[in-house]
Amino acid sequence: MPKSKNRKNHKKKVAARNLRIKDDKRRVEKAQREFIMDLIKREQENGAFENTPNISIDGPTVDIDTIEGPSL
């Protein structure tokens, strides 16, 4: 049975649309990351991150190798 004219290149159109969406998403994430890094850099230049206290966590440490969970 012949395919309809509209269905002929459907897979190519879907692949192109998905690629375009993925590229747009990557570009937006990159712009957000650059904006945040620029904001942090400006704040560092103004001295916002100087004299920050070091946070140390005192308490029991958990060794992941010794944790036993359900076995299959």
Protein backbone atom coordinates (compact mmCIF):
# COMPACT_ATOMS: atom_id res chain seq x y z
CA MET A 1 0.00 0.00 0.00
CA PRO A 2 1.50 3.38 -0.93
CA LYS A 3 2.22 5.89 1.79
CA SER A 4 0.40 9.16 1.79
CA LYS A 5 2.25 12.24 0.63
CA ASN A 6 2.18 13.81 4.12
CA ARG A 7 3.61 10.69 5.77
CA LYS A 8 6.47 10.29 3.31
CA ASN A 9 9.22 12.09 5.24
CA HIS A 10 7.71 11.85 8.71
CA LYS A 11 10.70 10.16 10.37
CA LYS A 12 13.09 12.75 8.94
CA LYS A 13 10.86 15.60 10.11
CA VAL A 14 10.56 14.13 13.61
CA ALA A 15 14.32 13.57 13.84
CA ALA A 16 15.01 17.13 12.69
CA ARG A 17 12.49 18.53 15.20
CA ASN A 18 13.98 16.50 18.06
CA LEU A 19 17.48 17.62 17.10
CA ARG A 20 16.35 21.25 17.02
CA ILE A 21 14.70 20.91 20.43
CA LYS A 22 17.82 19.29 21.87
CA ASP A 23 20.04 22.04 20.46
CA ASP A 24 17.74 24.76 21.81
CA LYS A 25 17.78 23.15 25.24
CA ARG A 26 21.59 22.90 25.20
CA ARG A 27 21.91 26.54 24.12
CA VAL A 28 19.59 27.73 26.92
CA GLU A 29 21.48 25.68 29.52
CA LYS A 30 24.78 27.11 28.29
CA ALA A 31 23.43 30.67 28.51
CA GLN A 32 22.17 30.03 32.04
CA ARG A 33 25.49 28.53 33.10
CA GLU A 34 27.42 31.49 31.63
CA PHE A 35 25.08 33.96 33.35
CA ILE A 36 25.56 32.28 36.72
CA MET A 37 29.34 32.08 36.30
CA ASP A 38 29.44 35.77 35.34
CA LEU A 39 27.31 36.66 38.35
CA ILE A 40 29.60 34.69 40.67
CA LYS A 41 32.67 36.33 39.14
CA ARG A 42 31.21 39.81 39.67
CA GLU A 43 30.35 38.98 43.28
CA GLN A 44 33.87 37.64 43.88
CA GLU A 45 35.33 40.87 42.52
CA ASN A 46 33.16 42.79 44.98
CA GLY A 47 34.45 40.59 47.81
CA ALA A 48 31.24 38.73 48.55
CA PHE A 49 32.94 35.37 49.08
CA GLU A 50 35.73 36.53 51.36
CA ASN A 51 35.80 35.49 55.02
CA THR A 52 33.37 32.63 54.52
CA PRO A 53 33.57 30.07 57.33
CA ASN A 54 34.69 26.54 56.53
CA ILE A 55 31.98 24.03 57.22
CA SER A 56 33.12 20.76 58.69
CA ILE A 57 30.79 17.91 59.45
CA ASP A 58 31.62 16.01 62.64
CA GLY A 59 29.88 12.73 63.05
CA PRO A 60 30.00 9.11 62.12
CA THR A 61 31.32 8.37 58.66
CA VAL A 62 29.63 5.77 56.53
CA ASP A 63 31.72 3.41 54.47
CA ILE A 64 29.72 2.48 51.38
CA ASP A 65 31.60 -0.79 50.92
CA THR A 66 30.36 -2.13 54.27
CA ILE A 67 26.69 -1.33 53.72
CA GLU A 68 24.71 -4.47 53.12
CA GLY A 69 21.46 -4.27 51.27
CA PRO A 70 19.08 -6.74 49.77
CA SER A 71 20.73 -9.26 47.53
CA LEU A 72 19.13 -10.60 44.43
